[in-house]
Structures are given as C-alpha cells and as structure tokens.
Amino acid sequence: MFLHDTCPWKSTYEKKIAGGKQITTHQVRKALERNDKLDVFTWRYTASNCGLTMVLKKDMTEPFYRT
C-alpha cells in the first residue's frame, strides 16, 4: 500500500490547518510504523516534498531474522 502526504513540511501543515483543513496522513504513518507486523518506509522528499510511504505486510512464517 502507498500513502501520500505522509511527511508534510511544517509551513505546509500550518497553512492547511489555518485554512480549516485536517491533515492526518502523518498520524496514520506513525501508527503503522508502530505495528510489528508491517514494514513501513517513507520517502520524505517525494510527492511534492510531502512524503510518500510504502507499507508492506511482513511474512510472519519467515525466520525471525527476516522479519
């Protein structure tokens, strides 16, 4: 799964919040990062410099050193 706008710049975030928009994709990214059953990787400077995150489900049948 790919998510975009997962690492917004401070100025972009503050401008959108001031305009009444909710930005929660960074919160979703952080919650996914805490899940031990997922691999999460974020390219911070893509998607118009707002971040692109890739989420992969780990294969839990693999040996511990592969997860």
PDB file of N, CA and C in Angstrom:
ATOM      1  N   MET A   1       0.851  -1.142   0.000  1.00  0.00           N
ATOM      2  CA  MET A   1       0.000   0.000   0.000  1.00  0.00           C
ATOM      3  C   MET A   1       0.912   1.225   0.000  1.00  0.00           C
ATOM      4  N   PHE A   2       0.527   2.241  -0.727  1.00  0.00           N
ATOM      5  CA  PHE A   2       1.248   3.510  -0.726  1.00  0.00           C
ATOM      6  C   PHE A   2       0.328   4.617  -0.207  1.00  0.00           C
ATOM      7  N   LEU A   3       0.892   5.481   0.604  1.00  0.00           N
ATOM      8  CA  LEU A   3       0.184   6.648   1.130  1.00  0.00           C
ATOM      9  C   LEU A   3       0.967   7.892   0.741  1.00  0.00           C
ATOM     10  N   HIS A   4       0.271   8.941   0.381  1.00  0.00           N
ATOM     11  CA  HIS A   4       0.980  10.182   0.033  1.00  0.00           C
ATOM     12  C   HIS A   4       0.687  11.257   1.073  1.00  0.00           C
ATOM     13  N   ASP A   5       1.516  12.278   1.072  1.00  0.00           N
ATOM     14  CA  ASP A   5       1.423  13.401   2.021  1.00  0.00           C
ATOM     15  C   ASP A   5       1.586  12.913   3.460  1.00  0.00           C
ATOM     16  N   THR A   6       2.551  12.028   3.676  1.00  0.00           N
ATOM     17  CA  THR A   6       2.747  11.432   4.996  1.00  0.00           C
ATOM     18  C   THR A   6       3.839  12.112   5.802  1.00  0.00           C
ATOM     19  N   CYS A   7       4.451  13.127   5.237  1.00  0.00           N
ATOM     20  CA  CYS A   7       5.533  13.827   5.937  1.00  0.00           C
ATOM     21  C   CYS A   7       5.551  15.284   5.484  1.00  0.00           C
ATOM     22  N   PRO A   8       4.485  16.033   5.806  1.00  0.00           N
ATOM     23  CA  PRO A   8       4.382  17.402   5.282  1.00  0.00           C
ATOM     24  C   PRO A   8       5.392  18.347   5.928  1.00  0.00           C
ATOM     25  N   TRP A   9       5.758  19.365   5.156  1.00  0.00           N
ATOM     26  CA  TRP A   9       6.610  20.429   5.688  1.00  0.00           C
ATOM     27  C   TRP A   9       5.825  21.187   6.749  1.00  0.00           C
ATOM     28  N   LYS A  10       6.515  21.743   7.718  1.00  0.00           N
ATOM     29  CA  LYS A  10       5.857  22.489   8.794  1.00  0.00           C
ATOM     30  C   LYS A  10       5.018  23.629   8.235  1.00  0.00           C
ATOM     31  N   SER A  11       5.573  24.388   7.296  1.00  0.00           N
ATOM     32  CA  SER A  11       4.840  25.536   6.745  1.00  0.00           C
ATOM     33  C   SER A  11       3.578  25.091   6.002  1.00  0.00           C
ATOM     34  N   THR A  12       3.680  23.999   5.265  1.00  0.00           N
ATOM     35  CA  THR A  12       2.505  23.474   4.544  1.00  0.00           C
ATOM     36  C   THR A  12       1.448  23.011   5.532  1.00  0.00           C
ATOM     37  N   TYR A  13       1.877  22.283   6.550  1.00  0.00           N
ATOM     38  CA  TYR A  13       0.960  21.771   7.566  1.00  0.00           C
ATOM     39  C   TYR A  13       0.233  22.920   8.258  1.00  0.00           C
ATOM     40  N   GLU A  14       0.985  23.909   8.709  1.00  0.00           N
ATOM     41  CA  GLU A  14       0.384  25.028   9.427  1.00  0.00           C
ATOM     42  C   GLU A  14      -0.565  25.834   8.547  1.00  0.00           C
ATOM     43  N   LYS A  15      -0.203  26.004   7.265  1.00  0.00           N
ATOM     44  CA  LYS A  15      -1.061  26.746   6.349  1.00  0.00           C
ATOM     45  C   LYS A  15      -2.397  26.023   6.136  1.00  0.00           C
ATOM     46  N   LYS A  16      -2.358  24.712   5.969  1.00  0.00           N
ATOM     47  CA  LYS A  16      -3.597  23.959   5.751  1.00  0.00           C
ATOM     48  C   LYS A  16      -4.448  23.911   7.013  1.00  0.00           C
ATOM     49  N   ILE A  17      -3.815  23.761   8.168  1.00  0.00           N
ATOM     50  CA  ILE A  17      -4.554  23.773   9.428  1.00  0.00           C
ATOM     51  C   ILE A  17      -5.231  25.129   9.623  1.00  0.00           C
ATOM     52  N   ALA A  18      -4.503  26.214   9.334  1.00  0.00           N
ATOM     53  CA  ALA A  18      -5.067  27.560   9.463  1.00  0.00           C
ATOM     54  C   ALA A  18      -6.241  27.763   8.513  1.00  0.00           C
ATOM     55  N   GLY A  19      -6.217  27.078   7.377  1.00  0.00           N
ATOM     56  CA  GLY A  19      -7.299  27.172   6.407  1.00  0.00           C
ATOM     57  C   GLY A  19      -8.483  26.269   6.723  1.00  0.00           C
ATOM     58  N   GLY A  20      -8.411  25.566   7.845  1.00  0.00           N
ATOM     59  CA  GLY A  20      -9.532  24.727   8.269  1.00  0.00           C
ATOM     60  C   GLY A  20      -9.480  23.284   7.772  1.00  0.00           C
ATOM     61  N   LYS A  21      -8.380  22.892   7.149  1.00  0.00           N
ATOM     62  CA  LYS A  21      -8.259  21.510   6.663  1.00  0.00           C
ATOM     63  C   LYS A  21      -7.644  20.628   7.743  1.00  0.00           C
ATOM     64  N   GLN A  22      -8.053  19.367   7.739  1.00  0.00           N
ATOM     65  CA  GLN A  22      -7.435  18.393   8.639  1.00  0.00           C
ATOM     66  C   GLN A  22      -6.404  17.600   7.860  1.00  0.00           C
ATOM     67  N   ILE A  23      -5.241  17.436   8.452  1.00  0.00           N
ATOM     68  CA  ILE A  23      -4.187  16.640   7.834  1.00  0.00           C
ATOM     69  C   ILE A  23      -3.846  15.529   8.816  1.00  0.00           C
ATOM     70  N   THR A  24      -4.187  14.292   8.461  1.00  0.00           N
ATOM     71  CA  THR A  24      -3.984  13.182   9.393  1.00  0.00           C
ATOM     72  C   THR A  24      -3.133  12.057   8.816  1.00  0.00           C
ATOM     73  N   THR A  25      -2.694  12.180   7.567  1.00  0.00           N
ATOM     74  CA  THR A  25      -1.939  11.076   6.974  1.00  0.00           C
ATOM     75  C   THR A  25      -0.623  10.832   7.697  1.00  0.00           C
ATOM     76  N   HIS A  26      -0.011  11.862   8.269  1.00  0.00           N
ATOM     77  CA  HIS A  26       1.219  11.646   9.033  1.00  0.00           C
ATOM     78  C   HIS A  26       0.934  10.854  10.309  1.00  0.00           C
ATOM     79  N   GLN A  27      -0.255  11.031  10.895  1.00  0.00           N
ATOM     80  CA  GLN A  27      -0.633  10.265  12.079  1.00  0.00           C
ATOM     81  C   GLN A  27      -0.859   8.796  11.723  1.00  0.00           C
ATOM     82  N   VAL A  28      -1.445   8.558  10.568  1.00  0.00           N
ATOM     83  CA  VAL A  28      -1.638   7.186  10.097  1.00  0.00           C
ATOM     84  C   VAL A  28      -0.279   6.523   9.898  1.00  0.00           C
ATOM     85  N   ARG A  29       0.656   7.234   9.265  1.00  0.00           N
ATOM     86  CA  ARG A  29       2.006   6.695   9.054  1.00  0.00           C
ATOM     87  C   ARG A  29       2.659   6.310  10.372  1.00  0.00           C
ATOM     88  N   LYS A  30       2.581   7.183  11.350  1.00  0.00           N
ATOM     89  CA  LYS A  30       3.202   6.904  12.643  1.00  0.00           C
ATOM     90  C   LYS A  30       2.564   5.703  13.334  1.00  0.00           C
ATOM     91  N   ALA A  31       1.263   5.554  13.224  1.00  0.00           N
ATOM     92  CA  ALA A  31       0.586   4.390  13.812  1.00  0.00           C
ATOM     93  C   ALA A  31       1.013   3.105  13.111  1.00  0.00           C
ATOM     94  N   LEU A  32       1.136   3.148  11.790  1.00  0.00           N
ATOM     95  CA  LEU A  32       1.573   1.969  11.045  1.00  0.00           C
ATOM     96  C   LEU A  32       3.009   1.598  11.395  1.00  0.00           C
ATOM     97  N   GLU A  33       3.865   2.580  11.624  1.00  0.00           N
ATOM     98  CA  GLU A  33       5.266   2.328  11.981  1.00  0.00           C
ATOM     99  C   GLU A  33       5.390   1.571  13.301  1.00  0.00           C
ATOM    100  N   ARG A  34       4.418   1.728  14.189  1.00  0.00           N
ATOM    101  CA  ARG A  34       4.460   1.045  15.487  1.00  0.00           C
ATOM    102  C   ARG A  34       4.006  -0.413  15.401  1.00  0.00           C
ATOM    103  N   ASN A  35       3.426  -0.814  14.278  1.00  0.00           N
ATOM    104  CA  ASN A  35       2.915  -2.176  14.107  1.00  0.00           C
ATOM    105  C   ASN A  35       4.057  -3.115  13.719  1.00  0.00           C
ATOM    106  N   ASP A  36       4.358  -4.084  14.578  1.00  0.00           N
ATOM    107  CA  ASP A  36       5.465  -5.017  14.340  1.00  0.00           C
ATOM    108  C   ASP A  36       5.230  -5.964  13.168  1.00  0.00           C
ATOM    109  N   LYS A  37       4.006  -6.036  12.685  1.00  0.00           N
ATOM    110  CA  LYS A  37       3.702  -6.943  11.578  1.00  0.00           C
ATOM    111  C   LYS A  37       3.833  -6.269  10.210  1.00  0.00           C
ATOM    112  N   LEU A  38       4.277  -5.021  10.225  1.00  0.00           N
ATOM    113  CA  LEU A  38       4.390  -4.263   8.981  1.00  0.00           C
ATOM    114  C   LEU A  38       5.795  -3.713   8.794  1.00  0.00           C
ATOM    115  N   ASP A  39       6.205  -3.614   7.539  1.00  0.00           N
ATOM    116  CA  ASP A  39       7.392  -2.860   7.160  1.00  0.00           C
ATOM    117  C   ASP A  39       6.892  -1.547   6.576  1.00  0.00           C
ATOM    118  N   VAL A  40       7.415  -0.449   7.084  1.00  0.00           N
ATOM    119  CA  VAL A  40       6.980   0.877   6.640  1.00  0.00           C
ATOM    120  C   VAL A  40       8.218   1.673   6.247  1.00  0.00           C
ATOM    121  N   PHE A  41       8.188   2.218   5.044  1.00  0.00           N
ATOM    122  CA  PHE A  41       9.310   3.021   4.562  1.00  0.00           C
ATOM    123  C   PHE A  41       8.769   4.312   3.963  1.00  0.00           C
ATOM    124  N   THR A  42       9.340   5.443   4.368  1.00  0.00           N
ATOM    125  CA  THR A  42       8.879   6.741   3.883  1.00  0.00           C
ATOM    126  C   THR A  42       9.980   7.459   3.124  1.00  0.00           C
ATOM    127  N   TRP A  43       9.641   7.877   1.918  1.00  0.00           N
ATOM    128  CA  TRP A  43      10.496   8.782   1.142  1.00  0.00           C
ATOM    129  C   TRP A  43       9.994  10.182   1.473  1.00  0.00           C
ATOM    130  N   ARG A  44      10.736  10.908   2.263  1.00  0.00           N
ATOM    131  CA  ARG A  44      10.289  12.204   2.776  1.00  0.00           C
ATOM    132  C   ARG A  44      10.236  13.308   1.719  1.00  0.00           C
ATOM    133  N   TYR A  45      11.072  13.225   0.704  1.00  0.00           N
ATOM    134  CA  TYR A  45      11.185  14.329  -0.248  1.00  0.00           C
ATOM    135  C   TYR A  45      10.558  14.008  -1.594  1.00  0.00           C
ATOM    136  N   THR A  46       9.532  13.188  -1.596  1.00  0.00           N
ATOM    137  CA  THR A  46       8.779  12.889  -2.816  1.00  0.00           C
ATOM    138  C   THR A  46       7.346  13.360  -2.629  1.00  0.00           C
ATOM    139  N   ALA A  47       6.521  13.143  -3.636  1.00  0.00           N
ATOM    140  CA  ALA A  47       5.106  13.566  -3.587  1.00  0.00           C
ATOM    141  C   ALA A  47       5.016  15.055  -3.251  1.00  0.00           C
ATOM    142  N   SER A  48       5.684  15.852  -4.066  1.00  0.00           N
ATOM    143  CA  SER A  48       5.726  17.315  -3.894  1.00  0.00           C
ATOM    144  C   SER A  48       6.314  17.703  -2.539  1.00  0.00           C
ATOM    145  N   ASN A  49       7.339  16.956  -2.133  1.00  0.00           N
ATOM    146  CA  ASN A  49       8.033  17.199  -0.863  1.00  0.00           C
ATOM    147  C   ASN A  49       7.138  17.030   0.359  1.00  0.00           C
ATOM    148  N   CYS A  50       6.096  16.220   0.230  1.00  0.00           N
ATOM    149  CA  CYS A  50       5.203  15.964   1.369  1.00  0.00           C
ATOM    150  C   CYS A  50       5.261  14.521   1.839  1.00  0.00           C
ATOM    151  N   GLY A  51       6.067  13.696   1.196  1.00  0.00           N
ATOM    152  CA  GLY A  51       6.268  12.329   1.656  1.00  0.00           C
ATOM    153  C   GLY A  51       5.391  11.292   0.966  1.00  0.00           C
ATOM    154  N   LEU A  52       6.026  10.172   0.672  1.00  0.00           N
ATOM    155  CA  LEU A  52       5.345   9.008   0.112  1.00  0.00           C
ATOM    156  C   LEU A  52       5.754   7.818   0.967  1.00  0.00           C
ATOM    157  N   THR A  53       4.790   7.079   1.481  1.00  0.00           N
ATOM    158  CA  THR A  53       5.058   5.968   2.382  1.00  0.00           C
ATOM    159  C   THR A  53       4.584   4.661   1.764  1.00  0.00           C
ATOM    160  N   MET A  54       5.463   3.656   1.849  1.00  0.00           N
ATOM    161  CA  MET A  54       5.143   2.311   1.376  1.00  0.00           C
ATOM    162  C   MET A  54       4.932   1.427   2.608  1.00  0.00           C
ATOM    163  N   VAL A  55       3.873   0.644   2.593  1.00  0.00           N
ATOM    164  CA  VAL A  55       3.554  -0.254   3.697  1.00  0.00           C
ATOM    165  C   VAL A  55       3.456  -1.672   3.149  1.00  0.00           C
ATOM    166  N   LEU A  56       4.212  -2.580   3.767  1.00  0.00           N
ATOM    167  CA  LEU A  56       4.199  -3.988   3.366  1.00  0.00           C
ATOM    168  C   LEU A  56       3.891  -4.851   4.582  1.00  0.00           C
ATOM    169  N   LYS A  57       3.065  -5.850   4.385  1.00  0.00           N
ATOM    170  CA  LYS A  57       2.791  -6.813   5.448  1.00  0.00           C
ATOM    171  C   LYS A  57       3.953  -7.796   5.514  1.00  0.00           C
ATOM    172  N   LYS A  58       4.511  -7.987   6.712  1.00  0.00           N
ATOM    173  CA  LYS A  58       5.603  -8.934   6.881  1.00  0.00           C
ATOM    174  C   LYS A  58       5.076 -10.364   6.772  1.00  0.00           C
ATOM    175  N   ASP A  59       5.879 -11.235   6.211  1.00  0.00           N
ATOM    176  CA  ASP A  59       5.555 -12.658   6.159  1.00  0.00           C
ATOM    177  C   ASP A  59       5.993 -13.268   7.480  1.00  0.00           C
ATOM    178  N   MET A  60       5.048 -13.518   8.370  1.00  0.00           N
ATOM    179  CA  MET A  60       5.383 -13.998   9.704  1.00  0.00           C
ATOM    180  C   MET A  60       5.812 -15.463   9.734  1.00  0.00           C
ATOM    181  N   THR A  61       5.768 -16.136   8.576  1.00  0.00           N
ATOM    182  CA  THR A  61       6.272 -17.511   8.520  1.00  0.00           C
ATOM    183  C   THR A  61       7.774 -17.539   8.279  1.00  0.00           C
ATOM    184  N   GLU A  62       8.362 -16.394   7.968  1.00  0.00           N
ATOM    185  CA  GLU A  62       9.805 -16.309   7.752  1.00  0.00           C
ATOM    186  C   GLU A  62      10.535 -16.408   9.099  1.00  0.00           C
ATOM    187  N   PRO A  63      11.780 -16.839   9.097  1.00  0.00           N
ATOM    188  CA  PRO A  63      12.564 -16.859  10.336  1.00  0.00           C
ATOM    189  C   PRO A  63      12.675 -15.455  10.943  1.00  0.00           C
ATOM    190  N   PHE A  64      12.903 -15.390  12.244  1.00  0.00           N
ATOM    191  CA  PHE A  64      12.918 -14.116  12.963  1.00  0.00           C
ATOM    192  C   PHE A  64      13.884 -13.104  12.365  1.00  0.00           C
ATOM    193  N   TYR A  65      14.986 -13.567  11.800  1.00  0.00           N
ATOM    194  CA  TYR A  65      15.985 -12.630  11.274  1.00  0.00           C
ATOM    195  C   TYR A  65      15.574 -12.047   9.924  1.00  0.00           C
ATOM    196  N   ARG A  66      14.495 -12.539   9.358  1.00  0.00           N
ATOM    197  CA  ARG A  66      14.000 -11.994   8.088  1.00  0.00           C
ATOM    198  C   ARG A  66      12.848 -11.020   8.297  1.00  0.00           C
ATOM    199  N   THR A  67      12.294 -10.921   9.489  1.00  0.00           N
ATOM    200  CA  THR A  67      11.142 -10.052   9.723  1.00  0.00           C
ATOM    201  C   THR A  67      11.557  -8.699  10.212  1.00  0.00           C
TER     202      THR A  67
END
